[in-house]
Amino acid sequence: MSQQADATSTCLFCRVAAGTVPATTVYRDDTTVAFRDINPQAPTHILVIPRCHIPHAAAAAGENVWQTFMSTATQIALGENLGERGYRLVINSGPAAGQSVDHLHVHVLGGRDMRWPPG
């Protein structure tokens, strides 16, 4: 079994993208899926993931996902009416940064004031 095929069967977010794990999906296309976080840290907390398995940000360096991925995250924020007041896009890469699922994802957070520094 290839590493990609193995990741697809064991990775939680790959299974969400495939529709085999239930999620409250807010957007889906050929390259990305966006769904509401089950443990929201803000009134609006949506995760945007690429459909292809990429374990973390560094692994995406040679991939052609960033343009579509971040554009989708921004469109989700605007669709949730977060544009005027503001929102935060967060990518945690690696366990020390707080990444708990080994699949590249961006958190779209909004609906409350955000503090700095974050964490």
PDB file of N, CA and C in Angstrom:
ATOM      1  N   MET A   1       0.854  -1.178   0.000  1.00  0.00           N
ATOM      2  CA  MET A   1       0.000   0.000   0.000  1.00  0.00           C
ATOM      3  C   MET A   1       0.897   1.238   0.000  1.00  0.00           C
ATOM      4  N   SER A   2       0.574   2.218  -0.805  1.00  0.00           N
ATOM      5  CA  SER A   2       1.376   3.438  -0.875  1.00  0.00           C
ATOM      6  C   SER A   2       1.152   4.281   0.372  1.00  0.00           C
ATOM      7  N   GLN A   3       2.085   5.201   0.641  1.00  0.00           N
ATOM      8  CA  GLN A   3       1.963   6.074   1.802  1.00  0.00           C
ATOM      9  C   GLN A   3       0.699   6.924   1.687  1.00  0.00           C
ATOM     10  N   GLN A   4       0.391   7.424   0.476  1.00  0.00           N
ATOM     11  CA  GLN A   4      -0.817   8.228   0.276  1.00  0.00           C
ATOM     12  C   GLN A   4      -2.067   7.389   0.540  1.00  0.00           C
ATOM     13  N   ALA A   5      -2.103   6.168   0.024  1.00  0.00           N
ATOM     14  CA  ALA A   5      -3.273   5.309   0.233  1.00  0.00           C
ATOM     15  C   ALA A   5      -3.431   4.978   1.706  1.00  0.00           C
ATOM     16  N   ASP A   6      -2.314   4.703   2.415  1.00  0.00           N
ATOM     17  CA  ASP A   6      -2.367   4.406   3.835  1.00  0.00           C
ATOM     18  C   ASP A   6      -2.879   5.615   4.609  1.00  0.00           C
ATOM     19  N   ALA A   7      -2.395   6.808   4.276  1.00  0.00           N
ATOM     20  CA  ALA A   7      -2.836   8.030   4.954  1.00  0.00           C
ATOM     21  C   ALA A   7      -4.321   8.256   4.726  1.00  0.00           C
ATOM     22  N   THR A   8      -4.780   7.988   3.533  1.00  0.00           N
ATOM     23  CA  THR A   8      -6.192   8.196   3.212  1.00  0.00           C
ATOM     24  C   THR A   8      -7.084   7.321   4.082  1.00  0.00           C
ATOM     25  N   SER A   9      -6.637   6.124   4.404  1.00  0.00           N
ATOM     26  CA  SER A   9      -7.471   5.224   5.202  1.00  0.00           C
ATOM     27  C   SER A   9      -7.347   5.479   6.699  1.00  0.00           C
ATOM     28  N   THR A  10      -6.227   6.058   7.166  1.00  0.00           N
ATOM     29  CA  THR A  10      -6.039   6.255   8.600  1.00  0.00           C
ATOM     30  C   THR A  10      -6.170   7.699   9.057  1.00  0.00           C
ATOM     31  N   CYS A  11      -5.991   8.648   8.179  1.00  0.00           N
ATOM     32  CA  CYS A  11      -6.031  10.067   8.539  1.00  0.00           C
ATOM     33  C   CYS A  11      -7.483  10.520   8.731  1.00  0.00           C
ATOM     34  N   LEU A  12      -7.756  11.101   9.882  1.00  0.00           N
ATOM     35  CA  LEU A  12      -9.100  11.583  10.186  1.00  0.00           C
ATOM     36  C   LEU A  12      -9.597  12.575   9.138  1.00  0.00           C
ATOM     37  N   PHE A  13      -8.756  13.550   8.757  1.00  0.00           N
ATOM     38  CA  PHE A  13      -9.205  14.565   7.809  1.00  0.00           C
ATOM     39  C   PHE A  13      -9.346  14.006   6.399  1.00  0.00           C
ATOM     40  N   CYS A  14      -8.548  13.020   6.024  1.00  0.00           N
ATOM     41  CA  CYS A  14      -8.753  12.351   4.723  1.00  0.00           C
ATOM     42  C   CYS A  14     -10.122  11.667   4.711  1.00  0.00           C
ATOM     43  N   ARG A  15     -10.480  11.091   5.837  1.00  0.00           N
ATOM     44  CA  ARG A  15     -11.781  10.411   5.915  1.00  0.00           C
ATOM     45  C   ARG A  15     -12.929  11.424   5.918  1.00  0.00           C
ATOM     46  N   VAL A  16     -12.731  12.580   6.525  1.00  0.00           N
ATOM     47  CA  VAL A  16     -13.745  13.649   6.443  1.00  0.00           C
ATOM     48  C   VAL A  16     -13.899  14.067   4.984  1.00  0.00           C
ATOM     49  N   ALA A  17     -12.776  14.280   4.293  1.00  0.00           N
ATOM     50  CA  ALA A  17     -12.823  14.694   2.886  1.00  0.00           C
ATOM     51  C   ALA A  17     -13.512  13.654   2.018  1.00  0.00           C
ATOM     52  N   ALA A  18     -13.312  12.384   2.346  1.00  0.00           N
ATOM     53  CA  ALA A  18     -13.932  11.300   1.577  1.00  0.00           C
ATOM     54  C   ALA A  18     -15.401  11.098   1.936  1.00  0.00           C
ATOM     55  N   GLY A  19     -15.840  11.714   3.034  1.00  0.00           N
ATOM     56  CA  GLY A  19     -17.231  11.571   3.444  1.00  0.00           C
ATOM     57  C   GLY A  19     -17.497  10.341   4.290  1.00  0.00           C
ATOM     58  N   THR A  20     -16.459   9.660   4.747  1.00  0.00           N
ATOM     59  CA  THR A  20     -16.652   8.461   5.566  1.00  0.00           C
ATOM     60  C   THR A  20     -16.704   8.769   7.058  1.00  0.00           C
ATOM     61  N   VAL A  21     -16.341   9.984   7.440  1.00  0.00           N
ATOM     62  CA  VAL A  21     -16.495  10.469   8.809  1.00  0.00           C
ATOM     63  C   VAL A  21     -17.410  11.680   8.726  1.00  0.00           C
ATOM     64  N   PRO A  22     -18.478  11.702   9.526  1.00  0.00           N
ATOM     65  CA  PRO A  22     -19.412  12.827   9.433  1.00  0.00           C
ATOM     66  C   PRO A  22     -18.795  14.138   9.906  1.00  0.00           C
ATOM     67  N   ALA A  23     -19.190  15.209   9.245  1.00  0.00           N
ATOM     68  CA  ALA A  23     -18.762  16.555   9.604  1.00  0.00           C
ATOM     69  C   ALA A  23     -19.814  17.530   9.099  1.00  0.00           C
ATOM     70  N   THR A  24     -19.878  18.685   9.720  1.00  0.00           N
ATOM     71  CA  THR A  24     -20.775  19.736   9.255  1.00  0.00           C
ATOM     72  C   THR A  24     -20.020  20.519   8.188  1.00  0.00           C
ATOM     73  N   THR A  25     -20.195  20.095   6.954  1.00  0.00           N
ATOM     74  CA  THR A  25     -19.464  20.667   5.830  1.00  0.00           C
ATOM     75  C   THR A  25     -20.097  21.978   5.402  1.00  0.00           C
ATOM     76  N   VAL A  26     -19.249  23.008   5.208  1.00  0.00           N
ATOM     77  CA  VAL A  26     -19.731  24.299   4.739  1.00  0.00           C
ATOM     78  C   VAL A  26     -19.289  24.580   3.310  1.00  0.00           C
ATOM     79  N   TYR A  27     -18.303  23.818   2.821  1.00  0.00           N
ATOM     80  CA  TYR A  27     -17.818  24.013   1.457  1.00  0.00           C
ATOM     81  C   TYR A  27     -17.091  22.753   1.014  1.00  0.00           C
ATOM     82  N   ARG A  28     -17.228  22.444  -0.264  1.00  0.00           N
ATOM     83  CA  ARG A  28     -16.553  21.282  -0.835  1.00  0.00           C
ATOM     84  C   ARG A  28     -16.363  21.528  -2.323  1.00  0.00           C
ATOM     85  N   ASP A  29     -15.148  21.287  -2.812  1.00  0.00           N
ATOM     86  CA  ASP A  29     -14.908  21.298  -4.258  1.00  0.00           C
ATOM     87  C   ASP A  29     -13.893  20.207  -4.579  1.00  0.00           C
ATOM     88  N   ASP A  30     -13.295  20.246  -5.753  1.00  0.00           N
ATOM     89  CA  ASP A  30     -12.379  19.185  -6.165  1.00  0.00           C
ATOM     90  C   ASP A  30     -11.074  19.169  -5.380  1.00  0.00           C
ATOM     91  N   THR A  31     -10.697  20.296  -4.772  1.00  0.00           N
ATOM     92  CA  THR A  31      -9.397  20.361  -4.102  1.00  0.00           C
ATOM     93  C   THR A  31      -9.461  20.618  -2.606  1.00  0.00           C
ATOM     94  N   THR A  32     -10.568  21.166  -2.108  1.00  0.00           N
ATOM     95  CA  THR A  32     -10.655  21.517  -0.688  1.00  0.00           C
ATOM     96  C   THR A  32     -11.994  21.126  -0.082  1.00  0.00           C
ATOM     97  N   VAL A  33     -11.988  20.999   1.230  1.00  0.00           N
ATOM     98  CA  VAL A  33     -13.208  20.768   2.009  1.00  0.00           C
ATOM     99  C   VAL A  33     -13.113  21.671   3.234  1.00  0.00           C
ATOM    100  N   ALA A  34     -14.230  22.282   3.609  1.00  0.00           N
ATOM    101  CA  ALA A  34     -14.290  23.113   4.805  1.00  0.00           C
ATOM    102  C   ALA A  34     -15.439  22.617   5.679  1.00  0.00           C
ATOM    103  N   PHE A  35     -15.170  22.522   6.973  1.00  0.00           N
ATOM    104  CA  PHE A  35     -16.173  22.013   7.898  1.00  0.00           C
ATOM    105  C   PHE A  35     -16.009  22.666   9.260  1.00  0.00           C
ATOM    106  N   ARG A  36     -17.074  22.679  10.042  1.00  0.00           N
ATOM    107  CA  ARG A  36     -17.059  23.308  11.357  1.00  0.00           C
ATOM    108  C   ARG A  36     -16.264  22.441  12.346  1.00  0.00           C
ATOM    109  N   ASP A  37     -15.431  23.090  13.145  1.00  0.00           N
ATOM    110  CA  ASP A  37     -14.627  22.390  14.151  1.00  0.00           C
ATOM    111  C   ASP A  37     -15.553  21.830  15.224  1.00  0.00           C
ATOM    112  N   ILE A  38     -15.286  20.606  15.673  1.00  0.00           N
ATOM    113  CA  ILE A  38     -16.140  19.998  16.707  1.00  0.00           C
ATOM    114  C   ILE A  38     -15.831  20.545  18.102  1.00  0.00           C
ATOM    115  N   ASN A  39     -14.731  21.265  18.241  1.00  0.00           N
ATOM    116  CA  ASN A  39     -14.358  21.890  19.510  1.00  0.00           C
ATOM    117  C   ASN A  39     -14.034  23.362  19.244  1.00  0.00           C
ATOM    118  N   PRO A  40     -15.047  24.170  18.913  1.00  0.00           N
ATOM    119  CA  PRO A  40     -14.786  25.543  18.465  1.00  0.00           C
ATOM    120  C   PRO A  40     -14.132  26.406  19.534  1.00  0.00           C
ATOM    121  N   GLN A  41     -13.167  27.222  19.084  1.00  0.00           N
ATOM    122  CA  GLN A  41     -12.454  28.144  19.951  1.00  0.00           C
ATOM    123  C   GLN A  41     -12.921  29.584  19.747  1.00  0.00           C
ATOM    124  N   ALA A  42     -13.933  29.764  18.909  1.00  0.00           N
ATOM    125  CA  ALA A  42     -14.529  31.071  18.636  1.00  0.00           C
ATOM    126  C   ALA A  42     -15.940  30.806  18.118  1.00  0.00           C
ATOM    127  N   PRO A  43     -16.811  31.815  18.126  1.00  0.00           N
ATOM    128  CA  PRO A  43     -18.161  31.603  17.597  1.00  0.00           C
ATOM    129  C   PRO A  43     -18.160  31.022  16.183  1.00  0.00           C
ATOM    130  N   THR A  44     -17.230  31.457  15.352  1.00  0.00           N
ATOM    131  CA  THR A  44     -17.023  30.838  14.049  1.00  0.00           C
ATOM    132  C   THR A  44     -15.663  30.168  14.074  1.00  0.00           C
ATOM    133  N   HIS A  45     -15.649  28.850  13.869  1.00  0.00           N
ATOM    134  CA  HIS A  45     -14.393  28.091  13.830  1.00  0.00           C
ATOM    135  C   HIS A  45     -14.566  26.998  12.787  1.00  0.00           C
ATOM    136  N   ILE A  46     -13.983  27.244  11.629  1.00  0.00           N
ATOM    137  CA  ILE A  46     -14.096  26.336  10.487  1.00  0.00           C
ATOM    138  C   ILE A  46     -12.703  25.884  10.092  1.00  0.00           C
ATOM    139  N   LEU A  47     -12.569  24.614   9.760  1.00  0.00           N
ATOM    140  CA  LEU A  47     -11.307  24.056   9.278  1.00  0.00           C
ATOM    141  C   LEU A  47     -11.392  23.902   7.766  1.00  0.00           C
ATOM    142  N   VAL A  48     -10.354  24.329   7.078  1.00  0.00           N
ATOM    143  CA  VAL A  48     -10.256  24.168   5.624  1.00  0.00           C
ATOM    144  C   VAL A  48      -9.088  23.228   5.373  1.00  0.00           C
ATOM    145  N   ILE A  49      -9.339  22.162   4.628  1.00  0.00           N
ATOM    146  CA  ILE A  49      -8.304  21.157   4.369  1.00  0.00           C
ATOM    147  C   ILE A  49      -8.178  20.909   2.865  1.00  0.00           C
ATOM    148  N   PRO A  50      -6.967  20.593   2.422  1.00  0.00           N
ATOM    149  CA  PRO A  50      -6.847  20.110   1.043  1.00  0.00           C
ATOM    150  C   PRO A  50      -7.335  18.664   1.002  1.00  0.00           C
ATOM    151  N   ARG A  51      -7.938  18.259  -0.095  1.00  0.00           N
ATOM    152  CA  ARG A  51      -8.389  16.872  -0.228  1.00  0.00           C
ATOM    153  C   ARG A  51      -7.212  15.898  -0.249  1.00  0.00           C
ATOM    154  N   CYS A  52      -6.097  16.304  -0.857  1.00  0.00           N
ATOM    155  CA  CYS A  52      -4.927  15.430  -0.890  1.00  0.00           C
ATOM    156  C   CYS A  52      -4.258  15.461   0.484  1.00  0.00           C
ATOM    157  N   HIS A  53      -3.676  14.346   0.872  1.00  0.00           N
ATOM    158  CA  HIS A  53      -3.039  14.255   2.179  1.00  0.00           C
ATOM    159  C   HIS A  53      -1.674  14.941   2.150  1.00  0.00           C
ATOM    160  N   ILE A  54      -1.574  16.002   2.926  1.00  0.00           N
ATOM    161  CA  ILE A  54      -0.313  16.710   3.148  1.00  0.00           C
ATOM    162  C   ILE A  54      -0.211  16.830   4.661  1.00  0.00           C
ATOM    163  N   PRO A  55       0.802  16.222   5.277  1.00  0.00           N
ATOM    164  CA  PRO A  55       0.817  16.139   6.736  1.00  0.00           C
ATOM    165  C   PRO A  55       0.996  17.461   7.482  1.00  0.00           C
ATOM    166  N   HIS A  56       1.719  18.414   6.909  1.00  0.00           N
ATOM    167  CA  HIS A  56       1.974  19.681   7.608  1.00  0.00           C
ATOM    168  C   HIS A  56       2.462  20.712   6.599  1.00  0.00           C
ATOM    169  N   ALA A  57       2.610  21.943   7.045  1.00  0.00           N
ATOM    170  CA  ALA A  57       2.955  23.054   6.145  1.00  0.00           C
ATOM    171  C   ALA A  57       4.272  22.834   5.414  1.00  0.00           C
ATOM    172  N   ALA A  58       5.284  22.328   6.098  1.00  0.00           N
ATOM    173  CA  ALA A  58       6.583  22.123   5.441  1.00  0.00           C
ATOM    174  C   ALA A  58       6.477  21.116   4.298  1.00  0.00           C
ATOM    175  N   ALA A  59       5.618  20.137   4.447  1.00  0.00           N
ATOM    176  CA  ALA A  59       5.437  19.129   3.391  1.00  0.00           C
ATOM    177  C   ALA A  59       4.723  19.712   2.176  1.00  0.00           C
ATOM    178  N   ALA A  60       4.105  20.875   2.333  1.00  0.00           N
ATOM    179  CA  ALA A  60       3.396  21.519   1.227  1.00  0.00           C
ATOM    180  C   ALA A  60       4.290  22.449   0.427  1.00  0.00           C
ATOM    181  N   ALA A  61       5.545  22.575   0.831  1.00  0.00           N
ATOM    182  CA  ALA A  61       6.450  23.529   0.176  1.00  0.00           C
ATOM    183  C   ALA A  61       6.556  23.303  -1.325  1.00  0.00           C
ATOM    184  N   GLY A  62       6.620  22.072  -1.767  1.00  0.00           N
ATOM    185  CA  GLY A  62       6.733  21.788  -3.194  1.00  0.00           C
ATOM    186  C   GLY A  62       5.404  21.514  -3.865  1.00  0.00           C
ATOM    187  N   GLU A  63       4.327  21.590  -3.114  1.00  0.00           N
ATOM    188  CA  GLU A  63       2.991  21.304  -3.652  1.00  0.00           C
ATOM    189  C   GLU A  63       2.362  22.575  -4.206  1.00  0.00           C
ATOM    190  N   ASN A  64       1.379  22.392  -5.048  1.00  0.00           N
ATOM    191  CA  ASN A  64       0.675  23.519  -5.643  1.00  0.00           C
ATOM    192  C   ASN A  64      -0.697  23.658  -4.980  1.00  0.00           C
ATOM    193  N   VAL A  65      -0.709  23.871  -3.663  1.00  0.00           N
ATOM    194  CA  VAL A  65      -1.975  23.948  -2.936  1.00  0.00           C
ATOM    195  C   VAL A  65      -2.240  25.300  -2.290  1.00  0.00           C
ATOM    196  N   TRP A  66      -1.204  26.091  -2.055  1.00  0.00           N
ATOM    197  CA  TRP A  66      -1.366  27.290  -1.244  1.00  0.00           C
ATOM    198  C   TRP A  66      -2.346  28.296  -1.815  1.00  0.00           C
ATOM    199  N   GLN A  67      -2.275  28.596  -3.095  1.00  0.00           N
ATOM    200  CA  GLN A  67      -3.157  29.604  -3.699  1.00  0.00           C
ATOM    201  C   GLN A  67      -4.624  29.244  -3.491  1.00  0.00           C
ATOM    202  N   THR A  68      -4.984  28.044  -3.877  1.00  0.00           N
ATOM    203  CA  THR A  68      -6.378  27.618  -3.759  1.00  0.00           C
ATOM    204  C   THR A  68      -6.783  27.473  -2.300  1.00  0.00           C
ATOM    205  N   PHE A  69      -5.920  26.884  -1.518  1.00  0.00           N
ATOM    206  CA  PHE A  69      -6.173  26.619  -0.104  1.00  0.00           C
ATOM    207  C   PHE A  69      -6.466  27.907   0.667  1.00  0.00           C
ATOM    208  N   MET A  70      -5.609  28.899   0.547  1.00  0.00           N
ATOM    209  CA  MET A  70      -5.792  30.147   1.291  1.00  0.00           C
ATOM    210  C   MET A  70      -6.924  30.994   0.701  1.00  0.00           C
ATOM    211  N   SER A  71      -7.095  30.932  -0.597  1.00  0.00           N
ATOM    212  CA  SER A  71      -8.215  31.635  -1.220  1.00  0.00           C
ATOM    213  C   SER A  71      -9.544  31.064  -0.712  1.00  0.00           C
ATOM    214  N   THR A  72      -9.620  29.754  -0.604  1.00  0.00           N
ATOM    215  CA  THR A  72     -10.830  29.123  -0.079  1.00  0.00           C
ATOM    216  C   THR A  72     -11.073  29.554   1.363  1.00  0.00           C
ATOM    217  N   ALA A  73     -10.028  29.573   2.185  1.00  0.00           N
ATOM    218  CA  ALA A  73     -10.182  29.983   3.582  1.00  0.00           C
ATOM    219  C   ALA A  73     -10.717  31.415   3.670  1.00  0.00           C
ATOM    220  N   THR A  74     -10.188  32.298   2.842  1.00  0.00           N
ATOM    221  CA  THR A  74     -10.642  33.687   2.834  1.00  0.00           C
ATOM    222  C   THR A  74     -12.095  33.782   2.379  1.00  0.00           C
ATOM    223  N   GLN A  75     -12.457  33.045   1.348  1.00  0.00           N
ATOM    224  CA  GLN A  75     -13.842  33.057   0.869  1.00  0.00           C
ATOM    225  C   GLN A  75     -14.798  32.517   1.929  1.00  0.00           C
ATOM    226  N   ILE A  76     -14.369  31.512   2.678  1.00  0.00           N
ATOM    227  CA  ILE A  76     -15.185  30.976   3.769  1.00  0.00           C
ATOM    228  C   ILE A  76     -15.407  32.069   4.823  1.00  0.00           C
ATOM    229  N   ALA A  77     -14.346  32.781   5.202  1.00  0.00           N
ATOM    230  CA  ALA A  77     -14.464  33.859   6.187  1.00  0.00           C
ATOM    231  C   ALA A  77     -15.448  34.924   5.714  1.00  0.00           C
ATOM    232  N   LEU A  78     -15.338  35.317   4.457  1.00  0.00           N
ATOM    233  CA  LEU A  78     -16.247  36.331   3.919  1.00  0.00           C
ATOM    234  C   LEU A  78     -17.677  35.802   3.860  1.00  0.00           C
ATOM    235  N   GLY A  79     -17.835  34.530   3.512  1.00  0.00           N
ATOM    236  CA  GLY A  79     -19.160  33.907   3.471  1.00  0.00           C
ATOM    237  C   GLY A  79     -19.806  33.801   4.842  1.00  0.00           C
ATOM    238  N   GLU A  80     -18.989  33.783   5.873  1.00  0.00           N
ATOM    239  CA  GLU A  80     -19.477  33.743   7.256  1.00  0.00           C
ATOM    240  C   GLU A  80     -19.663  35.155   7.821  1.00  0.00           C
ATOM    241  N   ASN A  81     -19.553  36.173   6.953  1.00  0.00           N
ATOM    242  CA  ASN A  81     -19.726  37.581   7.324  1.00  0.00           C
ATOM    243  C   ASN A  81     -18.706  38.057   8.354  1.00  0.00           C
ATOM    244  N   LEU A  82     -17.481  37.578   8.225  1.00  0.00           N
ATOM    245  CA  LEU A  82     -16.422  37.983   9.147  1.00  0.00           C
ATOM    246  C   LEU A  82     -15.547  39.107   8.594  1.00  0.00           C
ATOM    247  N   GLY A  83     -15.743  39.472   7.339  1.00  0.00           N
ATOM    248  CA  GLY A  83     -14.850  40.413   6.675  1.00  0.00           C
ATOM    249  C   GLY A  83     -14.781  41.781   7.288  1.00  0.00           C
ATOM    250  N   GLU A  84     -15.901  42.340   7.709  1.00  0.00           N
ATOM    251  CA  GLU A  84     -15.906  43.708   8.208  1.00  0.00           C
ATOM    252  C   GLU A  84     -15.254  43.820   9.584  1.00  0.00           C
ATOM    253  N   ARG A  85     -15.592  42.926  10.472  1.00  0.00           N
ATOM    254  CA  ARG A  85     -15.062  42.986  11.843  1.00  0.00           C
ATOM    255  C   ARG A  85     -13.667  42.389  11.934  1.00  0.00           C
ATOM    256  N   GLY A  86     -13.402  41.374  11.151  1.00  0.00           N
ATOM    257  CA  GLY A  86     -12.088  40.744  11.148  1.00  0.00           C
ATOM    258  C   GLY A  86     -12.154  39.275  11.502  1.00  0.00           C
ATOM    259  N   TYR A  87     -11.114  38.579  11.131  1.00  0.00           N
ATOM    260  CA  TYR A  87     -11.013  37.148  11.387  1.00  0.00           C
ATOM    261  C   TYR A  87      -9.547  36.764  11.413  1.00  0.00           C
ATOM    262  N   ARG A  88      -9.295  35.555  11.862  1.00  0.00           N
ATOM    263  CA  ARG A  88      -7.924  35.054  11.939  1.00  0.00           C
ATOM    264  C   ARG A  88      -7.839  33.746  11.171  1.00  0.00           C
ATOM    265  N   LEU A  89      -6.773  33.608  10.373  1.00  0.00           N
ATOM    266  CA  LEU A  89      -6.446  32.359   9.696  1.00  0.00           C
ATOM    267  C   LEU A  89      -5.218  31.795  10.396  1.00  0.00           C
ATOM    268  N   VAL A  90      -5.308  30.566  10.899  1.00  0.00           N
ATOM    269  CA  VAL A  90      -4.229  29.971  11.676  1.00  0.00           C
ATOM    270  C   VAL A  90      -3.847  28.627  11.081  1.00  0.00           C
ATOM    271  N   ILE A  91      -2.543  28.430  10.880  1.00  0.00           N
ATOM    272  CA  ILE A  91      -2.013  27.124  10.480  1.00  0.00           C
ATOM    273  C   ILE A  91      -0.990  26.730  11.532  1.00  0.00           C
ATOM    274  N   ASN A  92      -1.258  25.647  12.241  1.00  0.00           N
ATOM    275  CA  ASN A  92      -0.312  25.079  13.191  1.00  0.00           C
ATOM    276  C   ASN A  92       0.446  23.986  12.447  1.00  0.00           C
ATOM    277  N   SER A  93       1.757  24.015  12.509  1.00  0.00           N
ATOM    278  CA  SER A  93       2.548  23.016  11.791  1.00  0.00           C
ATOM    279  C   SER A  93       3.479  22.302  12.759  1.00  0.00           C
ATOM    280  N   GLY A  94       3.133  21.082  13.088  1.00  0.00           N
ATOM    281  CA  GLY A  94       3.920  20.271  14.004  1.00  0.00           C
ATOM    282  C   GLY A  94       3.363  20.301  15.412  1.00  0.00           C
ATOM    283  N   PRO A  95       3.719  19.288  16.204  1.00  0.00           N
ATOM    284  CA  PRO A  95       3.148  19.156  17.553  1.00  0.00           C
ATOM    285  C   PRO A  95       3.480  20.320  18.490  1.00  0.00           C
ATOM    286  N   ALA A  96       4.664  20.887  18.404  1.00  0.00           N
ATOM    287  CA  ALA A  96       5.019  22.002  19.292  1.00  0.00           C
ATOM    288  C   ALA A  96       4.194  23.249  18.987  1.00  0.00           C
ATOM    289  N   ALA A  97       3.658  23.328  17.782  1.00  0.00           N
ATOM    290  CA  ALA A  97       2.821  24.469  17.392  1.00  0.00           C
ATOM    291  C   ALA A  97       1.343  24.216  17.679  1.00  0.00           C
ATOM    292  N   GLY A  98       1.021  23.006  18.139  1.00  0.00           N
ATOM    293  CA  GLY A  98      -0.365  22.690  18.467  1.00  0.00           C
ATOM    294  C   GLY A  98      -1.111  21.919  17.406  1.00  0.00           C
ATOM    295  N   GLN A  99      -0.412  21.426  16.371  1.00  0.00           N
ATOM    296  CA  GLN A  99      -1.088  20.629  15.343  1.00  0.00           C
ATOM    297  C   GLN A  99      -1.438  19.269  15.930  1.00  0.00           C
ATOM    298  N   SER A 100      -2.735  18.945  15.969  1.00  0.00           N
ATOM    299  CA  SER A 100      -3.166  17.687  16.580  1.00  0.00           C
ATOM    300  C   SER A 100      -3.600  16.647  15.557  1.00  0.00           C
ATOM    301  N   VAL A 101      -3.852  17.054  14.327  1.00  0.00           N
ATOM    302  CA  VAL A 101      -4.171  16.114  13.246  1.00  0.00           C
ATOM    303  C   VAL A 101      -3.122  16.314  12.161  1.00  0.00           C
ATOM    304  N   ASP A 102      -2.450  15.242  11.795  1.00  0.00           N
ATOM    305  CA  ASP A 102      -1.368  15.326  10.803  1.00  0.00           C
ATOM    306  C   ASP A 102      -1.921  15.405   9.384  1.00  0.00           C
ATOM    307  N   HIS A 103      -2.588  16.502   9.097  1.00  0.00           N
ATOM    308  CA  HIS A 103      -3.127  16.810   7.769  1.00  0.00           C
ATOM    309  C   HIS A 103      -3.197  18.330   7.723  1.00  0.00           C
ATOM    310  N   LEU A 104      -2.532  18.929   6.760  1.00  0.00           N
ATOM    311  CA  LEU A 104      -2.525  20.379   6.635  1.00  0.00           C
ATOM    312  C   LEU A 104      -3.941  20.932   6.731  1.00  0.00           C
ATOM    313  N   HIS A 105      -4.121  21.943   7.564  1.00  0.00           N
ATOM    314  CA  HIS A 105      -5.430  22.591   7.677  1.00  0.00           C
ATOM    315  C   HIS A 105      -5.254  24.015   8.186  1.00  0.00           C
ATOM    316  N   VAL A 106      -6.183  24.856   7.798  1.00  0.00           N
ATOM    317  CA  VAL A 106      -6.209  26.228   8.293  1.00  0.00           C
ATOM    318  C   VAL A 106      -7.487  26.404   9.106  1.00  0.00           C
ATOM    319  N   HIS A 107      -7.320  27.038  10.269  1.00  0.00           N
ATOM    320  CA  HIS A 107      -8.454  27.376  11.121  1.00  0.00           C
ATOM    321  C   HIS A 107      -8.931  28.753  10.706  1.00  0.00           C
ATOM    322  N   VAL A 108     -10.209  28.894  10.424  1.00  0.00           N
ATOM    323  CA  VAL A 108     -10.842  30.188  10.171  1.00  0.00           C
ATOM    324  C   VAL A 108     -11.590  30.530  11.452  1.00  0.00           C
ATOM    325  N   LEU A 109     -11.112  31.554  12.150  1.00  0.00           N
ATOM    326  CA  LEU A 109     -11.663  31.927  13.454  1.00  0.00           C
ATOM    327  C   LEU A 109     -12.214  33.346  13.410  1.00  0.00           C
ATOM    328  N   GLY A 110     -13.396  33.542  13.981  1.00  0.00           N
ATOM    329  CA  GLY A 110     -13.968  34.875  14.021  1.00  0.00           C
ATOM    330  C   GLY A 110     -15.188  34.934  14.910  1.00  0.00           C
ATOM    331  N   GLY A 111     -15.752  36.121  14.997  1.00  0.00           N
ATOM    332  CA  GLY A 111     -16.953  36.312  15.794  1.00  0.00           C
ATOM    333  C   GLY A 111     -16.677  36.759  17.219  1.00  0.00           C
ATOM    334  N   ARG A 112     -15.418  36.962  17.545  1.00  0.00           N
ATOM    335  CA  ARG A 112     -15.031  37.500  18.851  1.00  0.00           C
ATOM    336  C   ARG A 112     -13.707  38.230  18.688  1.00  0.00           C
ATOM    337  N   ASP A 113     -13.362  39.052  19.663  1.00  0.00           N
ATOM    338  CA  ASP A 113     -12.059  39.724  19.634  1.00  0.00           C
ATOM    339  C   ASP A 113     -10.959  38.698  19.845  1.00  0.00           C
ATOM    340  N   MET A 114      -9.898  38.820  19.074  1.00  0.00           N
ATOM    341  CA  MET A 114      -8.741  37.933  19.189  1.00  0.00           C
ATOM    342  C   MET A 114      -7.648  38.669  19.952  1.00  0.00           C
ATOM    343  N   ARG A 115      -6.901  37.973  20.732  1.00  0.00           N
ATOM    344  CA  ARG A 115      -5.810  38.546  21.506  1.00  0.00           C
ATOM    345  C   ARG A 115      -4.477  38.277  20.800  1.00  0.00           C
ATOM    346  N   TRP A 116      -3.453  39.071  21.149  1.00  0.00           N
ATOM    347  CA  TRP A 116      -2.117  38.857  20.636  1.00  0.00           C
ATOM    348  C   TRP A 116      -1.147  38.991  21.804  1.00  0.00           C
ATOM    349  N   PRO A 117      -0.168  38.168  21.955  1.00  0.00           N
ATOM    350  CA  PRO A 117       0.101  37.028  21.074  1.00  0.00           C
ATOM    351  C   PRO A 117      -0.886  35.893  21.315  1.00  0.00           C
ATOM    352  N   PRO A 118      -1.069  35.068  20.268  1.00  0.00           N
ATOM    353  CA  PRO A 118      -2.066  34.008  20.365  1.00  0.00           C
ATOM    354  C   PRO A 118      -1.519  32.771  21.081  1.00  0.00           C
ATOM    355  N   GLY A 119      -1.383  32.558  22.187  1.00  0.00           N
ATOM    356  CA  GLY A 119      -0.948  31.270  22.697  1.00  0.00           C
ATOM    357  C   GLY A 119       0.216  31.393  23.546  1.00  0.00           C
TER     358      GLY A 119
END
